[in-house]
Structures are given as structure tokens and as C-alpha cells.
Amino acid sequence: MQWRFFIKMKKVIVDCTESIELPEGIGNSSRISALVKEKTDKLNGLNQLEVANFFTISISETDKMQEIISRLDLSFDSFIVRCKSWKVIPIENLIAYLTSIGKHLYMYVDDEKDLQYCFSILERGVDGVVVAPQLAPSAVSTLQKREGCTIELKEAEVLGVQDAGEGERVCVDTTSMLSIGEGLLVGSFSNFFFLVHSETVENSFVPTRPFRVNAGALHSYVLCGSDSTKYLSELAAGSRVLLVSKEGRTRQVTVGRVKIERRPMILVNASVGCNTGSVVLQRAETVRLVSSSGVPVSVTSLKEGDTLLVHVTESKGRHIGLSYQEFMVER
């Protein structure tokens, strides 16, 4: 089951009504626009939106919602709201009202911390944010992280499965509902990650844990961004990890709890071409990797010759989770 409601094409609108000095790194993407008083040729081809095309309203905590709605000019298609204090509840109400009549809502954001939640208010979020030029890079980065990207998954052949004795395994409990086909990319090596499936597969012995990935031994790497990792032992409440679907779609989720317990373990070795990797997981029927056909498969039923989905990168060194070029051998 897919639990997430996902809206694409959010926008970042850079407020250029006072200054047209844009920071470096702001490209000409259709996702980024400049809010101007009138069109100018000084913005290097950046899409320009005239402020006259937006109805702008400022809200304070003493305003009553019905009065706010009565002040809206519904002849406009797009609205910019600036909240002075309360920044969630008024936006929830306006999202519910304006989107129900086919209008677009943009939120003026002047604090970087507000970028972390404005795209998810009422799950749908605002259609975009309006920011001062100096906040534009952070807004673009936040939007890219939220909407994720596609990561390449390859077919790996299982070389062997063997007992790994006892060890501490890490259950990663997220604050999100996970779906069939989603999991974390985990591995013993910094360039070879196995797609470890979430505990979303029903069985007759234990209830599902639709927020959890039983991710493996605490020494393992887990992918947290497109090119950043942590050891499973480093994760804690508030950490962010990269959730990946069997199609390679990604989204960042927040860790709500990490549970480490001693359990019997199993070692899985696999290869893609000349690249080999391994992962150590709890020996249990509910711990699953993802087959090359996208089907969750229990680690207790794996055998030599089976094929799994993995993510393989160029072999690099890692320091505090970031990759860099150096000579390195992992085995």
C-alpha cells in the first residue's frame, strides 16, 4: 500500500522586488522564478513573475480565519501569504480552502528552519515558497532533498550465505509509513549497498512494523543522502536516512528511534561484475532483502545463485560519512 501523498512541481520564488543580486548557483530551472515589480533583462533569463499577478496577504495571530478569507480577492489565481507569528495553522486553513477552488498558495519564508516543514503542511504543503535572495540556495536544496531523486539499482548474484554468529543488530524505526518495496541501502563496504526491505510484509506470527527496517549489524554503512553515509551505530532519534524503493526512487525520512539488540546473524556475499560486497543481517524470517524482480525475499531462504537489488558506486574512501578519493581496500 502506498501511504504517501506526493505533489510534484513545487516552486522557489526569489523576491527580487528590492534587489536583483542573486547568489551564485541559482540556475535557470523552471522550478525557480524571480518575483519582480516589472520585467527586467538583468536576471539572465530567469523566469520572471510580476508581483501584480499575486494577491498578497499578511496574517497575525489576532486575525480571525473567516475575516482573512473574506479579504481574499478570488479573481487572482495565486496567493502569497506572510505569517507574522503562527505559521502552521493559518497555512493549513488556507491550503484547504484555496486548493479546493483551484487556487495556488505560496508562503513567504524568511527563516531557514521554516523551509523544513512548509512543503508538508497538511501533507500537501504549499505550492511554493517566496524567499529573499540570500535564502534561495537553502530553499532549492530543501526542495531537492524533499522530492528526492532516482538512484541506480543493479542486479547482484549471491555468492554465498553463511552463519555469522551472534552480534548486535540495529532496527531503524522511522517517523514515516513505509511501503512494500521500500527499504534502506545497507552494506559492510562503502561502495556496495544491499536494499534491506522494510517490515511491511504480513505474516501469521508477528504484526508488521510499517515504520521499521531491521537494517543489520551495527558496523554497517547506511546511505543517508545521494553520497553520504553513517554507520548504523551512529543513528539516533532525529537522524535522517535515505529511503529507497525497488524502482530506485528516494526520499529522506527521519529516525524516531533506534533499537539495538543481540541476535544470531547471517552473512550474505554478492557480486556485480568484478565488484563484490557483503552485508550482515539478523537471521530471521522477517528480515528481507529485495530480489532482482522487486520481490522481498527472506534472508533465511537465500541461496547461492539468487539475484538481489544492490547499489554499487565507485570505490572511494570515506571520512565522517563523506566520500573522497584515496587508495582503499575493503574485504
C-alpha atoms as a PDB file:
ATOM      1  CA  MET A   1       0.000   0.000   0.000  1.00  0.00           C
ATOM      2  CA  GLN A   2       1.230   3.494  -0.806  1.00  0.00           C
ATOM      3  CA  TRP A   3       0.734   5.769   2.158  1.00  0.00           C
ATOM      4  CA  ARG A   4       2.411   8.916   0.882  1.00  0.00           C
ATOM      5  CA  PHE A   5       0.633  11.776  -0.838  1.00  0.00           C
ATOM      6  CA  PHE A   6       3.148  13.274  -3.248  1.00  0.00           C
ATOM      7  CA  ILE A   7       2.846  16.549  -5.153  1.00  0.00           C
ATOM      8  CA  LYS A   8       5.483  17.455  -7.719  1.00  0.00           C
ATOM      9  CA  MET A   9       6.496  20.799  -9.212  1.00  0.00           C
ATOM     10  CA  LYS A  10       6.802  22.888  -6.085  1.00  0.00           C
ATOM     11  CA  LYS A  11       8.437  26.218  -6.797  1.00  0.00           C
ATOM     12  CA  VAL A  12      11.024  28.521  -5.291  1.00  0.00           C
ATOM     13  CA  ILE A  13      10.282  32.180  -5.992  1.00  0.00           C
ATOM     14  CA  VAL A  14      13.128  34.586  -5.253  1.00  0.00           C
ATOM     15  CA  ASP A  15      11.934  38.004  -4.110  1.00  0.00           C
ATOM     16  CA  CYS A  16      13.702  40.449  -6.430  1.00  0.00           C
ATOM     17  CA  THR A  17      11.387  43.374  -5.815  1.00  0.00           C
ATOM     18  CA  GLU A  18      14.056  45.168  -3.792  1.00  0.00           C
ATOM     19  CA  SER A  19      17.279  43.671  -5.157  1.00  0.00           C
ATOM     20  CA  ILE A  20      18.196  41.661  -8.257  1.00  0.00           C
ATOM     21  CA  GLU A  21      21.519  40.490  -6.863  1.00  0.00           C
ATOM     22  CA  LEU A  22      21.124  36.708  -6.979  1.00  0.00           C
ATOM     23  CA  PRO A  23      23.534  34.341  -5.201  1.00  0.00           C
ATOM     24  CA  GLU A  24      25.781  32.048  -7.210  1.00  0.00           C
ATOM     25  CA  GLY A  25      24.430  28.629  -8.078  1.00  0.00           C
ATOM     26  CA  ILE A  26      20.872  29.732  -8.843  1.00  0.00           C
ATOM     27  CA  GLY A  27      20.267  28.334 -12.308  1.00  0.00           C
ATOM     28  CA  ASN A  28      17.519  28.808 -14.853  1.00  0.00           C
ATOM     29  CA  SER A  29      15.406  25.820 -13.840  1.00  0.00           C
ATOM     30  CA  SER A  30      11.657  26.050 -14.422  1.00  0.00           C
ATOM     31  CA  ARG A  31      11.337  25.349 -10.693  1.00  0.00           C
ATOM     32  CA  ILE A  32      12.963  28.697  -9.823  1.00  0.00           C
ATOM     33  CA  SER A  33      11.401  32.067 -10.600  1.00  0.00           C
ATOM     34  CA  ALA A  34      12.078  35.685  -9.732  1.00  0.00           C
ATOM     35  CA  LEU A  35       9.378  37.904  -8.258  1.00  0.00           C
ATOM     36  CA  VAL A  36       9.751  41.357  -9.826  1.00  0.00           C
ATOM     37  CA  LYS A  37       7.874  44.646  -9.904  1.00  0.00           C
ATOM     38  CA  GLU A  38       8.286  44.704 -13.670  1.00  0.00           C
ATOM     39  CA  LYS A  39      10.223  42.609 -16.178  1.00  0.00           C
ATOM     40  CA  THR A  40      13.956  43.267 -16.492  1.00  0.00           C
ATOM     41  CA  ASP A  41      16.795  41.928 -18.634  1.00  0.00           C
ATOM     42  CA  LYS A  42      19.167  41.842 -15.648  1.00  0.00           C
ATOM     43  CA  LEU A  43      18.173  38.374 -14.410  1.00  0.00           C
ATOM     44  CA  ASN A  44      19.991  36.301 -17.040  1.00  0.00           C
ATOM     45  CA  GLY A  45      16.927  34.617 -18.478  1.00  0.00           C
ATOM     46  CA  LEU A  46      15.459  33.539 -15.104  1.00  0.00           C
ATOM     47  CA  ASN A  47      11.692  33.056 -15.302  1.00  0.00           C
ATOM     48  CA  GLN A  48      10.088  36.272 -14.002  1.00  0.00           C
ATOM     49  CA  LEU A  49       6.751  36.647 -12.227  1.00  0.00           C
ATOM     50  CA  GLU A  50       5.323  40.092 -11.703  1.00  0.00           C
ATOM     51  CA  VAL A  51       4.133  40.867  -8.201  1.00  0.00           C
ATOM     52  CA  ALA A  52       0.940  42.341  -9.636  1.00  0.00           C
ATOM     53  CA  ASN A  53      -0.163  38.831 -10.599  1.00  0.00           C
ATOM     54  CA  PHE A  54      -0.274  37.702  -6.956  1.00  0.00           C
ATOM     55  CA  PHE A  55      -2.665  38.597  -4.188  1.00  0.00           C
ATOM     56  CA  THR A  56      -0.538  39.145  -1.080  1.00  0.00           C
ATOM     57  CA  ILE A  57      -1.834  38.972   2.456  1.00  0.00           C
ATOM     58  CA  SER A  58      -0.183  39.276   5.867  1.00  0.00           C
ATOM     59  CA  ILE A  59      -1.582  37.354   8.838  1.00  0.00           C
ATOM     60  CA  SER A  60      -1.098  37.985  12.562  1.00  0.00           C
ATOM     61  CA  GLU A  61      -2.182  35.763  15.440  1.00  0.00           C
ATOM     62  CA  THR A  62      -5.057  38.095  16.291  1.00  0.00           C
ATOM     63  CA  ASP A  63      -6.686  37.737  12.864  1.00  0.00           C
ATOM     64  CA  LYS A  64      -9.775  35.571  12.612  1.00  0.00           C
ATOM     65  CA  MET A  65      -9.799  32.980   9.843  1.00  0.00           C
ATOM     66  CA  GLN A  66     -13.161  33.921   8.374  1.00  0.00           C
ATOM     67  CA  GLU A  67     -12.074  37.557   8.209  1.00  0.00           C
ATOM     68  CA  ILE A  68      -8.867  36.517   6.427  1.00  0.00           C
ATOM     69  CA  ILE A  69     -10.812  34.514   3.863  1.00  0.00           C
ATOM     70  CA  SER A  70     -13.261  37.380   3.318  1.00  0.00           C
ATOM     71  CA  ARG A  71     -10.307  39.666   2.484  1.00  0.00           C
ATOM     72  CA  LEU A  72      -9.027  37.385  -0.288  1.00  0.00           C
ATOM     73  CA  ASP A  73      -9.582  38.603  -3.839  1.00  0.00           C
ATOM     74  CA  LEU A  74     -10.597  35.405  -5.620  1.00  0.00           C
ATOM     75  CA  SER A  75     -10.130  36.965  -9.030  1.00  0.00           C
ATOM     76  CA  PHE A  76      -6.446  36.064  -8.522  1.00  0.00           C
ATOM     77  CA  ASP A  77      -5.171  32.557  -9.203  1.00  0.00           C
ATOM     78  CA  SER A  78      -2.094  32.798  -6.978  1.00  0.00           C
ATOM     79  CA  PHE A  79      -1.724  33.987  -3.392  1.00  0.00           C
ATOM     80  CA  ILE A  80       1.304  34.854  -1.278  1.00  0.00           C
ATOM     81  CA  VAL A  81       0.790  34.718   2.466  1.00  0.00           C
ATOM     82  CA  ARG A  82       3.147  36.076   5.080  1.00  0.00           C
ATOM     83  CA  CYS A  83       2.579  34.879   8.641  1.00  0.00           C
ATOM     84  CA  LYS A  84       3.971  37.042  11.431  1.00  0.00           C
ATOM     85  CA  SER A  85       3.797  34.512  14.264  1.00  0.00           C
ATOM     86  CA  TRP A  86       1.542  31.478  13.812  1.00  0.00           C
ATOM     87  CA  LYS A  87       2.940  29.780  10.702  1.00  0.00           C
ATOM     88  CA  VAL A  88       1.258  26.383  10.524  1.00  0.00           C
ATOM     89  CA  ILE A  89      -2.437  26.524  11.421  1.00  0.00           C
ATOM     90  CA  PRO A  90      -3.254  29.540   9.191  1.00  0.00           C
ATOM     91  CA  ILE A  91      -1.433  27.887   6.280  1.00  0.00           C
ATOM     92  CA  GLU A  92      -3.341  24.629   6.883  1.00  0.00           C
ATOM     93  CA  ASN A  93      -6.627  26.510   6.668  1.00  0.00           C
ATOM     94  CA  LEU A  94      -5.617  28.375   3.527  1.00  0.00           C
ATOM     95  CA  ILE A  95      -4.313  25.236   1.808  1.00  0.00           C
ATOM     96  CA  ALA A  96      -7.643  23.504   2.494  1.00  0.00           C
ATOM     97  CA  TYR A  97      -9.665  26.473   1.258  1.00  0.00           C
ATOM     98  CA  LEU A  98      -7.669  27.718  -1.744  1.00  0.00           C
ATOM     99  CA  THR A  99      -6.730  24.356  -3.250  1.00  0.00           C
ATOM    100  CA  SER A 100     -10.371  23.255  -3.058  1.00  0.00           C
ATOM    101  CA  ILE A 101     -11.235  26.047  -5.501  1.00  0.00           C
ATOM    102  CA  GLY A 102      -8.237  25.543  -7.776  1.00  0.00           C
ATOM    103  CA  LYS A 103      -6.014  28.359  -6.473  1.00  0.00           C
ATOM    104  CA  HIS A 104      -2.266  28.314  -5.738  1.00  0.00           C
ATOM    105  CA  LEU A 105      -0.757  29.222  -2.372  1.00  0.00           C
ATOM    106  CA  TYR A 106       2.799  30.436  -1.781  1.00  0.00           C
ATOM    107  CA  MET A 107       4.302  31.096   1.632  1.00  0.00           C
ATOM    108  CA  TYR A 108       6.813  33.846   2.316  1.00  0.00           C
ATOM    109  CA  VAL A 109       9.684  32.264   4.255  1.00  0.00           C
ATOM    110  CA  ASP A 110      12.295  34.427   5.941  1.00  0.00           C
ATOM    111  CA  ASP A 111      13.805  31.833   8.274  1.00  0.00           C
ATOM    112  CA  GLU A 112      15.676  28.724   7.106  1.00  0.00           C
ATOM    113  CA  LYS A 113      14.058  26.482   9.724  1.00  0.00           C
ATOM    114  CA  ASP A 114      10.615  27.178   8.224  1.00  0.00           C
ATOM    115  CA  LEU A 115      11.772  25.584   4.959  1.00  0.00           C
ATOM    116  CA  GLN A 116      11.857  22.190   6.700  1.00  0.00           C
ATOM    117  CA  TYR A 117       8.078  21.917   7.083  1.00  0.00           C
ATOM    118  CA  CYS A 118       6.310  24.320   4.713  1.00  0.00           C
ATOM    119  CA  PHE A 119       6.244  21.808   1.831  1.00  0.00           C
ATOM    120  CA  SER A 120       4.495  19.230   4.021  1.00  0.00           C
ATOM    121  CA  ILE A 121       1.890  21.268   5.928  1.00  0.00           C
ATOM    122  CA  LEU A 122      -1.410  19.373   5.724  1.00  0.00           C
ATOM    123  CA  GLU A 123       0.672  16.730   3.872  1.00  0.00           C
ATOM    124  CA  ARG A 124       0.182  18.516   0.551  1.00  0.00           C
ATOM    125  CA  GLY A 125       2.212  21.576   1.502  1.00  0.00           C
ATOM    126  CA  VAL A 126       2.240  24.988  -0.144  1.00  0.00           C
ATOM    127  CA  ASP A 127       2.752  25.235  -3.897  1.00  0.00           C
ATOM    128  CA  GLY A 128       5.996  27.064  -3.324  1.00  0.00           C
ATOM    129  CA  VAL A 129       7.949  29.483  -1.194  1.00  0.00           C
ATOM    130  CA  VAL A 130       8.910  33.105  -1.668  1.00  0.00           C
ATOM    131  CA  VAL A 131      12.346  33.858  -0.239  1.00  0.00           C
ATOM    132  CA  ALA A 132      14.883  36.656  -0.109  1.00  0.00           C
ATOM    133  CA  PRO A 133      17.856  36.142  -2.470  1.00  0.00           C
ATOM    134  CA  GLN A 134      20.220  35.051   0.319  1.00  0.00           C
ATOM    135  CA  LEU A 135      17.846  32.235   1.325  1.00  0.00           C
ATOM    136  CA  ALA A 136      17.343  30.949  -2.225  1.00  0.00           C
ATOM    137  CA  PRO A 137      20.136  28.290  -2.203  1.00  0.00           C
ATOM    138  CA  SER A 138      18.761  26.740   1.005  1.00  0.00           C
ATOM    139  CA  ALA A 139      15.228  26.730  -0.408  1.00  0.00           C
ATOM    140  CA  VAL A 140      16.355  24.997  -3.594  1.00  0.00           C
ATOM    141  CA  SER A 141      18.373  22.434  -1.610  1.00  0.00           C
ATOM    142  CA  THR A 142      15.464  21.713   0.741  1.00  0.00           C
ATOM    143  CA  LEU A 143      13.094  21.166  -2.179  1.00  0.00           C
ATOM    144  CA  GLN A 144      15.508  18.827  -3.941  1.00  0.00           C
ATOM    145  CA  LYS A 145      16.026  16.737  -0.795  1.00  0.00           C
ATOM    146  CA  ARG A 146      12.301  16.525  -0.109  1.00  0.00           C
ATOM    147  CA  GLU A 147      11.334  15.437  -3.596  1.00  0.00           C
ATOM    148  CA  GLY A 148      14.223  13.027  -3.814  1.00  0.00           C
ATOM    149  CA  CYS A 149      15.861  11.603  -6.892  1.00  0.00           C
ATOM    150  CA  THR A 150      16.322   8.258  -8.581  1.00  0.00           C
ATOM    151  CA  ILE A 151      19.250   6.085  -7.574  1.00  0.00           C
ATOM    152  CA  GLU A 152      20.604   3.297  -9.756  1.00  0.00           C
ATOM    153  CA  LEU A 153      19.942  -0.251  -8.573  1.00  0.00           C
ATOM    154  CA  LYS A 154      21.700  -3.202 -10.189  1.00  0.00           C
ATOM    155  CA  GLU A 155      21.245  -6.960 -10.181  1.00  0.00           C
ATOM    156  CA  ALA A 156      23.753  -8.775  -7.974  1.00  0.00           C
ATOM    157  CA  GLU A 157      24.320 -12.512  -7.773  1.00  0.00           C
ATOM    158  CA  VAL A 158      24.524 -14.132  -4.346  1.00  0.00           C
ATOM    159  CA  LEU A 159      27.916 -15.813  -3.952  1.00  0.00           C
ATOM    160  CA  GLY A 160      27.179 -17.416  -0.614  1.00  0.00           C
ATOM    161  CA  VAL A 161      25.247 -17.264   2.642  1.00  0.00           C
ATOM    162  CA  GLN A 162      26.819 -18.303   5.922  1.00  0.00           C
ATOM    163  CA  ASP A 163      26.348 -18.173   9.668  1.00  0.00           C
ATOM    164  CA  ALA A 164      27.860 -15.073  11.299  1.00  0.00           C
ATOM    165  CA  GLY A 165      27.489 -15.979  14.962  1.00  0.00           C
ATOM    166  CA  GLU A 166      25.923 -13.509  17.352  1.00  0.00           C
ATOM    167  CA  GLY A 167      26.064  -9.766  17.052  1.00  0.00           C
ATOM    168  CA  GLU A 168      24.208  -6.544  17.673  1.00  0.00           C
ATOM    169  CA  ARG A 169      21.675  -5.698  15.016  1.00  0.00           C
ATOM    170  CA  VAL A 170      20.039  -2.303  14.521  1.00  0.00           C
ATOM    171  CA  CYS A 171      16.323  -1.746  13.969  1.00  0.00           C
ATOM    172  CA  VAL A 172      15.754   1.700  12.438  1.00  0.00           C
ATOM    173  CA  ASP A 173      12.297   2.987  13.379  1.00  0.00           C
ATOM    174  CA  THR A 174      11.318   5.975  11.246  1.00  0.00           C
ATOM    175  CA  THR A 175       8.589   8.557  11.717  1.00  0.00           C
ATOM    176  CA  SER A 176       7.127   7.664   8.313  1.00  0.00           C
ATOM    177  CA  MET A 177       4.850   4.966   6.940  1.00  0.00           C
ATOM    178  CA  LEU A 178       6.904   2.710   4.694  1.00  0.00           C
ATOM    179  CA  SER A 179       5.544   0.822   1.698  1.00  0.00           C
ATOM    180  CA  ILE A 180       6.041  -2.620   0.184  1.00  0.00           C
ATOM    181  CA  GLY A 181       9.186  -2.398  -1.939  1.00  0.00           C
ATOM    182  CA  GLU A 182      10.867   0.301   0.167  1.00  0.00           C
ATOM    183  CA  GLY A 183      13.866  -0.066   2.421  1.00  0.00           C
ATOM    184  CA  LEU A 184      17.331   1.182   3.304  1.00  0.00           C
ATOM    185  CA  LEU A 185      20.576   0.706   1.406  1.00  0.00           C
ATOM    186  CA  VAL A 186      22.963  -1.023   3.796  1.00  0.00           C
ATOM    187  CA  GLY A 187      26.307  -2.752   3.401  1.00  0.00           C
ATOM    188  CA  SER A 188      29.592  -3.671   5.012  1.00  0.00           C
ATOM    189  CA  PHE A 189      31.515  -1.896   2.249  1.00  0.00           C
ATOM    190  CA  SER A 190      31.353   1.804   1.377  1.00  0.00           C
ATOM    191  CA  ASN A 191      30.684   1.146  -2.318  1.00  0.00           C
ATOM    192  CA  PHE A 192      28.249  -1.810  -2.214  1.00  0.00           C
ATOM    193  CA  PHE A 193      24.798  -1.455  -0.632  1.00  0.00           C
ATOM    194  CA  PHE A 194      22.020  -4.060  -0.373  1.00  0.00           C
ATOM    195  CA  LEU A 195      18.366  -2.960  -0.413  1.00  0.00           C
ATOM    196  CA  VAL A 196      17.139  -4.146   3.010  1.00  0.00           C
ATOM    197  CA  HIS A 197      13.346  -4.272   2.967  1.00  0.00           C
ATOM    198  CA  SER A 198      11.032  -2.649   5.500  1.00  0.00           C
ATOM    199  CA  GLU A 199       8.968  -4.772   7.921  1.00  0.00           C
ATOM    200  CA  THR A 200       5.813  -4.233   5.865  1.00  0.00           C
ATOM    201  CA  VAL A 201       5.258  -7.801   4.681  1.00  0.00           C
ATOM    202  CA  GLU A 202       2.414  -9.503   6.537  1.00  0.00           C
ATOM    203  CA  ASN A 203       2.899 -12.890   8.183  1.00  0.00           C
ATOM    204  CA  SER A 204       0.982 -15.059  10.642  1.00  0.00           C
ATOM    205  CA  PHE A 205       3.482 -14.908  13.521  1.00  0.00           C
ATOM    206  CA  VAL A 206       4.182 -11.227  14.252  1.00  0.00           C
ATOM    207  CA  PRO A 207       2.437  -7.991  13.269  1.00  0.00           C
ATOM    208  CA  THR A 208       4.033  -5.750  10.666  1.00  0.00           C
ATOM    209  CA  ARG A 209       6.037  -2.723  11.717  1.00  0.00           C
ATOM    210  CA  PRO A 210       5.330  -0.348   8.808  1.00  0.00           C
ATOM    211  CA  PHE A 211       7.781   2.236  10.169  1.00  0.00           C
ATOM    212  CA  ARG A 212      10.764  -0.125  10.631  1.00  0.00           C
ATOM    213  CA  VAL A 213      13.742  -1.516   8.789  1.00  0.00           C
ATOM    214  CA  ASN A 214      15.692  -4.254  10.566  1.00  0.00           C
ATOM    215  CA  ALA A 215      18.812  -2.930   8.914  1.00  0.00           C
ATOM    216  CA  GLY A 216      21.658  -5.166  10.018  1.00  0.00           C
ATOM    217  CA  ALA A 217      24.813  -5.260  12.091  1.00  0.00           C
ATOM    218  CA  LEU A 218      25.836  -2.048  13.817  1.00  0.00           C
ATOM    219  CA  HIS A 219      29.138  -1.738  11.884  1.00  0.00           C
ATOM    220  CA  SER A 220      27.286  -1.390   8.557  1.00  0.00           C
ATOM    221  CA  TYR A 221      27.087   1.675   6.385  1.00  0.00           C
ATOM    222  CA  VAL A 222      23.621   3.082   5.645  1.00  0.00           C
ATOM    223  CA  LEU A 223      23.028   5.574   2.843  1.00  0.00           C
ATOM    224  CA  CYS A 224      21.689   8.862   4.241  1.00  0.00           C
ATOM    225  CA  GLY A 225      21.955  11.045   1.127  1.00  0.00           C
ATOM    226  CA  SER A 226      22.919  10.610  -2.504  1.00  0.00           C
ATOM    227  CA  ASP A 227      26.585  10.327  -1.487  1.00  0.00           C
ATOM    228  CA  SER A 228      26.666  10.435   2.319  1.00  0.00           C
ATOM    229  CA  THR A 229      26.578   7.610   4.818  1.00  0.00           C
ATOM    230  CA  LYS A 230      26.536   6.872   8.519  1.00  0.00           C
ATOM    231  CA  TYR A 231      27.335   3.746  10.441  1.00  0.00           C
ATOM    232  CA  LEU A 232      24.167   2.137  11.772  1.00  0.00           C
ATOM    233  CA  SER A 233      25.710   2.514  15.239  1.00  0.00           C
ATOM    234  CA  GLU A 234      25.674   6.313  14.784  1.00  0.00           C
ATOM    235  CA  LEU A 235      21.960   6.650  14.093  1.00  0.00           C
ATOM    236  CA  ALA A 236      19.728   8.129  16.784  1.00  0.00           C
ATOM    237  CA  ALA A 237      16.374   9.880  17.105  1.00  0.00           C
ATOM    238  CA  GLY A 238      16.414  12.845  14.743  1.00  0.00           C
ATOM    239  CA  SER A 239      18.862  11.342  12.235  1.00  0.00           C
ATOM    240  CA  ARG A 240      17.886  11.436   8.572  1.00  0.00           C
ATOM    241  CA  VAL A 241      18.227   8.399   6.311  1.00  0.00           C
ATOM    242  CA  LEU A 242      17.512   7.775   2.638  1.00  0.00           C
ATOM    243  CA  LEU A 243      14.564   5.509   1.955  1.00  0.00           C
ATOM    244  CA  VAL A 244      14.750   3.776  -1.418  1.00  0.00           C
ATOM    245  CA  SER A 245      12.080   1.957  -3.433  1.00  0.00           C
ATOM    246  CA  LYS A 246      12.628  -1.102  -5.616  1.00  0.00           C
ATOM    247  CA  GLU A 247      12.469   1.265  -8.622  1.00  0.00           C
ATOM    248  CA  GLY A 248      15.254   3.389  -7.136  1.00  0.00           C
ATOM    249  CA  ARG A 249      13.084   6.349  -6.102  1.00  0.00           C
ATOM    250  CA  THR A 250      14.345   8.007  -2.933  1.00  0.00           C
ATOM    251  CA  ARG A 251      13.019  10.137  -0.112  1.00  0.00           C
ATOM    252  CA  GLN A 252      14.602  11.266   3.132  1.00  0.00           C
ATOM    253  CA  VAL A 253      12.884  10.192   6.335  1.00  0.00           C
ATOM    254  CA  THR A 254      13.506  10.943   9.992  1.00  0.00           C
ATOM    255  CA  VAL A 255      14.591   8.353  12.534  1.00  0.00           C
ATOM    256  CA  GLY A 256      12.297   8.276  15.559  1.00  0.00           C
ATOM    257  CA  ARG A 257      14.104   5.543  17.480  1.00  0.00           C
ATOM    258  CA  VAL A 258      16.964   3.110  17.078  1.00  0.00           C
ATOM    259  CA  LYS A 259      16.763  -0.294  18.777  1.00  0.00           C
ATOM    260  CA  ILE A 260      19.960  -2.340  19.154  1.00  0.00           C
ATOM    261  CA  GLU A 261      19.752  -5.931  20.432  1.00  0.00           C
ATOM    262  CA  ARG A 262      21.963  -9.023  20.316  1.00  0.00           C
ATOM    263  CA  ARG A 263      20.727 -11.627  17.874  1.00  0.00           C
ATOM    264  CA  PRO A 264      22.010 -14.538  15.719  1.00  0.00           C
ATOM    265  CA  MET A 265      23.401 -13.117  12.464  1.00  0.00           C
ATOM    266  CA  ILE A 266      23.851 -14.206   8.877  1.00  0.00           C
ATOM    267  CA  LEU A 267      26.426 -13.054   6.288  1.00  0.00           C
ATOM    268  CA  VAL A 268      25.400 -12.536   2.647  1.00  0.00           C
ATOM    269  CA  ASN A 269      28.055 -12.129  -0.057  1.00  0.00           C
ATOM    270  CA  ALA A 270      27.161 -10.973  -3.576  1.00  0.00           C
ATOM    271  CA  SER A 271      28.776  -9.601  -6.711  1.00  0.00           C
ATOM    272  CA  VAL A 272      28.054  -7.300  -9.647  1.00  0.00           C
ATOM    273  CA  GLY A 273      30.631  -7.897 -12.335  1.00  0.00           C
ATOM    274  CA  CYS A 274      34.030  -7.536 -10.681  1.00  0.00           C
ATOM    275  CA  ASN A 275      32.574  -5.743  -7.631  1.00  0.00           C
ATOM    276  CA  THR A 276      31.798  -7.780  -4.529  1.00  0.00           C
ATOM    277  CA  GLY A 277      30.078  -6.795  -1.313  1.00  0.00           C
ATOM    278  CA  SER A 278      28.602  -8.223   1.839  1.00  0.00           C
ATOM    279  CA  VAL A 279      26.019  -7.460   4.453  1.00  0.00           C
ATOM    280  CA  VAL A 280      25.478  -8.916   7.937  1.00  0.00           C
ATOM    281  CA  LEU A 281      21.839  -9.187   8.967  1.00  0.00           C
ATOM    282  CA  GLN A 282      19.789 -10.753  11.727  1.00  0.00           C
ATOM    283  CA  ARG A 283      18.987 -14.386  10.993  1.00  0.00           C
ATOM    284  CA  ALA A 284      15.185 -14.169  10.995  1.00  0.00           C
ATOM    285  CA  GLU A 285      12.400 -14.897   8.525  1.00  0.00           C
ATOM    286  CA  THR A 286      11.091 -11.326   8.791  1.00  0.00           C
ATOM    287  CA  VAL A 287      14.401  -9.818   7.649  1.00  0.00           C
ATOM    288  CA  ARG A 288      14.264  -9.460   3.882  1.00  0.00           C
ATOM    289  CA  LEU A 289      16.365  -8.254   1.004  1.00  0.00           C
ATOM    290  CA  VAL A 290      14.820  -7.391  -2.369  1.00  0.00           C
ATOM    291  CA  SER A 291      15.187  -9.771  -5.307  1.00  0.00           C
ATOM    292  CA  SER A 292      16.121  -8.511  -8.781  1.00  0.00           C
ATOM    293  CA  SER A 293      12.445  -8.866  -9.723  1.00  0.00           C
ATOM    294  CA  GLY A 294      11.481  -6.469  -6.902  1.00  0.00           C
ATOM    295  CA  VAL A 295      10.067  -9.118  -4.559  1.00  0.00           C
ATOM    296  CA  PRO A 296      11.025  -9.140  -0.842  1.00  0.00           C
ATOM    297  CA  VAL A 297      12.927 -12.345  -0.032  1.00  0.00           C
ATOM    298  CA  SER A 298      13.728 -13.613   3.458  1.00  0.00           C
ATOM    299  CA  VAL A 299      17.430 -13.903   4.286  1.00  0.00           C
ATOM    300  CA  THR A 300      16.770 -17.370   5.711  1.00  0.00           C
ATOM    301  CA  SER A 301      15.733 -18.632   2.273  1.00  0.00           C
ATOM    302  CA  LEU A 302      18.602 -17.068   0.300  1.00  0.00           C
ATOM    303  CA  LYS A 303      20.987 -19.363  -1.541  1.00  0.00           C
ATOM    304  CA  GLU A 304      23.918 -19.137  -3.900  1.00  0.00           C
ATOM    305  CA  GLY A 305      22.881 -18.006  -7.370  1.00  0.00           C
ATOM    306  CA  ASP A 306      19.895 -15.923  -6.236  1.00  0.00           C
ATOM    307  CA  THR A 307      19.808 -12.354  -7.531  1.00  0.00           C
ATOM    308  CA  LEU A 308      19.261  -9.217  -5.450  1.00  0.00           C
ATOM    309  CA  LEU A 309      18.934  -5.463  -5.931  1.00  0.00           C
ATOM    310  CA  VAL A 310      22.012  -3.513  -4.852  1.00  0.00           C
ATOM    311  CA  HIS A 311      23.515  -0.069  -5.310  1.00  0.00           C
ATOM    312  CA  VAL A 312      27.148  -0.021  -6.409  1.00  0.00           C
ATOM    313  CA  THR A 313      29.342   3.069  -6.529  1.00  0.00           C
ATOM    314  CA  GLU A 314      32.918   3.817  -7.446  1.00  0.00           C
ATOM    315  CA  SER A 315      35.292   2.592  -4.738  1.00  0.00           C
ATOM    316  CA  LYS A 316      36.258   5.587  -2.608  1.00  0.00           C
ATOM    317  CA  GLY A 317      37.437   6.371   0.858  1.00  0.00           C
ATOM    318  CA  ARG A 318      35.026   7.769   3.402  1.00  0.00           C
ATOM    319  CA  HIS A 319      35.610  10.227   6.212  1.00  0.00           C
ATOM    320  CA  ILE A 320      32.752  11.157   8.584  1.00  0.00           C
ATOM    321  CA  GLY A 321      30.353   9.713   6.027  1.00  0.00           C
ATOM    322  CA  LEU A 322      31.591  11.709   3.035  1.00  0.00           C
ATOM    323  CA  SER A 323      33.366  10.093   0.090  1.00  0.00           C
ATOM    324  CA  TYR A 324      36.753  11.171  -1.231  1.00  0.00           C
ATOM    325  CA  GLN A 325      39.413   9.728  -3.496  1.00  0.00           C
ATOM    326  CA  GLU A 326      42.152   7.636  -1.868  1.00  0.00           C
ATOM    327  CA  PHE A 327      43.601   4.173  -2.100  1.00  0.00           C
ATOM    328  CA  MET A 328      41.431   1.800  -0.084  1.00  0.00           C
ATOM    329  CA  VAL A 329      40.656  -1.916   0.078  1.00  0.00           C
ATOM    330  CA  GLU A 330      37.639  -3.362   1.901  1.00  0.00           C
ATOM    331  CA  ARG A 331      37.101  -7.078   2.365  1.00  0.00           C
END
